[in-house]
Amino acid sequence: MLFRSAVVVADPRLQALLTERRAIEQRIENLRLQKGQLPEAEYDKQLETLVVELAAKNRQIQQQEKK
């Protein structure tokens, strides 16, 4: 697995964002496991959607950490 393990923080909003990020990371991992079973175009489309979602979540986390 390429992603980080669960993190616990005191800020409940930040904790929720981290939990959401972990869920997206898990969806990416699950998709990668299905890569051979999907048409290449479908895999690429789903992966792109998840990576964009992950980037947006990371941006939200960074903004919350600054507060």
Protein backbone atom coordinates (compact mmCIF):
# COMPACT_ATOMS: atom_id res chain seq x y z
CA MET A 1 0.00 0.00 0.00
CA LEU A 2 1.33 3.39 -0.97
CA PHE A 3 -0.72 5.58 1.32
CA ARG A 4 -0.25 6.72 4.90
CA SER A 5 -1.87 5.08 7.87
CA ALA A 6 -4.67 6.65 9.90
CA VAL A 7 -3.81 9.83 11.77
CA VAL A 8 -5.65 11.17 14.82
CA VAL A 9 -5.72 14.92 15.53
CA ALA A 10 -7.48 17.12 18.07
CA ASP A 11 -9.27 19.35 15.53
CA PRO A 12 -12.54 17.54 14.64
CA ARG A 13 -12.85 19.28 11.24
CA LEU A 14 -9.29 18.34 10.33
CA GLN A 15 -9.91 14.79 11.56
CA ALA A 16 -12.95 14.52 9.30
CA LEU A 17 -10.94 15.75 6.31
CA LEU A 18 -8.15 13.25 7.05
CA THR A 19 -10.71 10.44 7.29
CA GLU A 20 -12.23 11.51 3.98
CA ARG A 21 -8.77 11.59 2.38
CA ARG A 22 -8.06 8.09 3.63
CA ALA A 23 -11.33 6.89 2.08
CA ILE A 24 -10.34 8.38 -1.29
CA GLU A 25 -6.91 6.75 -1.03
CA GLN A 26 -8.60 3.41 -0.34
CA ARG A 27 -10.83 3.85 -3.39
CA ILE A 28 -7.70 4.48 -5.50
CA GLU A 29 -6.08 1.35 -4.11
CA ASN A 30 -9.22 -0.69 -4.84
CA LEU A 31 -9.34 0.67 -8.38
CA ARG A 32 -5.71 -0.26 -8.95
CA LEU A 33 -6.50 -3.80 -7.87
CA GLN A 34 -9.23 -3.91 -10.54
CA LYS A 35 -7.08 -2.44 -13.30
CA GLY A 36 -6.80 -5.67 -15.27
CA GLN A 37 -10.56 -6.17 -15.21
CA LEU A 38 -11.52 -2.76 -16.63
CA PRO A 39 -11.14 -1.32 -20.11
CA GLU A 40 -8.15 1.03 -20.14
CA ALA A 41 -10.24 4.11 -20.92
CA GLU A 42 -12.63 3.38 -18.03
CA TYR A 43 -9.75 2.78 -15.62
CA ASP A 44 -8.06 6.03 -16.67
CA LYS A 45 -11.32 7.99 -16.33
CA GLN A 46 -12.01 6.63 -12.85
CA LEU A 47 -8.42 7.14 -11.73
CA GLU A 48 -8.37 10.72 -12.99
CA THR A 49 -11.61 11.48 -11.12
CA LEU A 50 -10.19 10.05 -7.88
CA VAL A 51 -6.84 11.82 -8.21
CA VAL A 52 -8.59 15.16 -8.75
CA GLU A 53 -10.79 14.44 -5.73
CA LEU A 54 -7.70 13.58 -3.68
CA ALA A 55 -5.96 16.79 -4.72
CA ALA A 56 -8.97 18.86 -3.71
CA LYS A 57 -9.13 17.09 -0.34
CA ASN A 58 -5.43 17.71 0.24
CA ARG A 59 -6.00 21.40 -0.49
CA GLN A 60 -8.82 21.48 2.09
CA ILE A 61 -6.56 19.79 4.63
CA GLN A 62 -3.79 22.31 4.03
CA GLN A 63 -6.22 25.19 4.47
CA GLN A 64 -7.58 23.71 7.69
CA GLU A 65 -4.08 23.17 9.06
CA LYS A 66 -3.36 26.89 8.65
CA LYS A 67 -6.25 27.84 10.95
